[in-house]
Structures are given as C-alpha cells and as structure tokens.
Protein backbone atom coordinates (compact mmCIF):
# COMPACT_ATOMS: atom_id res chain seq x y z
CA UNK A 1 0.00 0.00 0.00
CA UNK A 2 1.45 3.39 -0.94
CA UNK A 3 2.30 6.03 1.65
CA UNK A 4 -0.61 8.35 0.77
CA UNK A 5 -3.12 5.53 1.11
CA UNK A 6 -1.73 4.49 4.49
CA UNK A 7 -1.75 8.08 5.77
CA UNK A 8 -5.26 8.62 4.41
CA UNK A 9 -6.47 5.45 6.13
CA UNK A 10 -4.81 6.50 9.41
CA UNK A 11 -6.47 9.93 9.22
CA UNK A 12 -9.85 8.32 8.51
CA UNK A 13 -9.46 5.99 11.51
CA UNK A 14 -8.64 8.97 13.75
CA UNK A 15 -11.61 10.88 12.31
CA UNK A 16 -14.03 8.00 12.86
CA UNK A 17 -12.61 7.52 16.35
CA UNK A 18 -13.51 11.06 17.31
CA UNK A 19 -9.97 12.45 17.22
CA UNK A 20 -11.06 15.28 14.98
CA UNK A 21 -8.15 17.69 15.52
CA UNK A 22 -5.58 14.95 14.88
CA UNK A 23 -7.41 13.83 11.75
CA UNK A 24 -7.64 17.43 10.53
CA UNK A 25 -3.88 17.85 10.94
CA UNK A 26 -3.23 14.68 8.96
CA UNK A 27 -5.67 15.68 6.19
CA UNK A 28 -4.00 19.08 6.03
CA UNK A 29 -0.54 17.51 5.73
CA UNK A 30 -1.78 15.22 2.96
CA UNK A 31 -3.31 18.22 1.16
CA UNK A 32 0.07 19.95 1.14
CA UNK A 33 1.30 17.12 -1.09
CA UNK A 34 -1.99 16.55 -2.95
CA UNK A 35 -3.85 19.90 -3.05
CA UNK A 36 -6.20 18.79 -5.82
CA UNK A 37 -7.53 15.67 -4.04
CA UNK A 38 -11.28 16.32 -3.87
CA UNK A 39 -11.93 13.60 -1.31
CA UNK A 40 -9.24 14.91 1.05
CA UNK A 41 -10.58 18.44 0.67
CA UNK A 42 -14.09 17.25 1.56
CA UNK A 43 -12.86 15.30 4.58
CA UNK A 44 -10.74 18.22 5.74
CA UNK A 45 -13.82 20.42 5.38
CA UNK A 46 -15.81 18.02 7.52
CA UNK A 47 -13.21 18.14 10.29
CA UNK A 48 -13.14 21.93 10.15
CA UNK A 49 -16.91 22.01 10.50
CA UNK A 50 -16.77 19.59 13.43
CA UNK A 51 -14.18 21.85 15.07
CA UNK A 52 -16.49 24.85 14.71
CA UNK A 53 -14.51 26.43 11.88
CA UNK A 54 -17.39 26.95 9.49
CA UNK A 55 -15.66 29.39 7.13
CA UNK A 56 -12.68 27.04 6.69
CA UNK A 57 -15.09 24.15 6.17
CA UNK A 58 -16.99 25.98 3.46
CA UNK A 59 -13.76 26.97 1.70
CA UNK A 60 -12.53 23.37 1.68
CA UNK A 61 -15.89 22.10 0.41
CA UNK A 62 -15.95 24.70 -2.36
CA UNK A 63 -12.44 23.71 -3.42
CA UNK A 64 -13.48 20.04 -3.36
CA UNK A 65 -16.43 20.71 -5.63
CA UNK A 66 -14.33 22.87 -7.97
CA UNK A 67 -11.69 20.15 -8.37
CA UNK A 68 -14.08 17.32 -9.17
CA UNK A 69 -17.60 17.22 -10.51
CA UNK A 70 -20.02 16.96 -7.61
CA UNK A 71 -20.42 13.46 -6.25
CA UNK A 72 -23.96 12.91 -4.89
CA UNK A 73 -22.71 11.47 -1.59
CA UNK A 74 -20.38 14.44 -1.04
CA UNK A 75 -23.13 16.92 -1.87
CA UNK A 76 -25.53 15.20 0.54
CA UNK A 77 -22.90 15.21 3.32
CA UNK A 78 -22.17 18.90 2.81
CA UNK A 79 -25.88 19.75 2.74
CA UNK A 80 -26.51 17.77 5.93
CA UNK A 81 -23.63 19.47 7.76
CA UNK A 82 -24.78 22.92 6.63
CA UNK A 83 -28.38 22.20 7.68
CA UNK A 84 -27.16 21.17 11.13
CA UNK A 85 -25.31 24.46 11.61
C-alpha cells in the first residue's frame, strides 16, 4: 500500500474515532502534497466544521467541488452538515 493511502487510512481511523483535531492535521498535511484531491478536501472540510470552523469548512468544500464534478454522496454530506449548523 502506498504512503498516501496508508496516511489517508490512518487519518480516517482517527476521524471516525472522534480524534477530529488529529485527523484534521493529517488531512492538512496530505493536502500539502496533494492539493487537488477532492476527497481529502471534503474530509478536511468536515473536520473543520466539526471543530467549529465553518468558514474554513466551506472553503474546503468549495475547493473540493471545484476540483471534481459533484459526487452525490459528497453533496448530501455537505448539505446535511450545513443544515445542522
């Protein structure tokens, strides 16, 4: 398994385990190397939202949607998070 995939998996495990700040830091580090990864941008946006950083979350989600055509699951997740705000 390549390094990015391992790091991505580790970040996702942290995220799912409720270690939001740690996951956000890992997603951010991965984005430094892969700034056009729409999935990473969306996940980073989710962590920012969960940390109460709504503006940062919206910016990450916008970048995610600009990089890749909207994926229905991603759009639904973003809409649900925004509705909960």
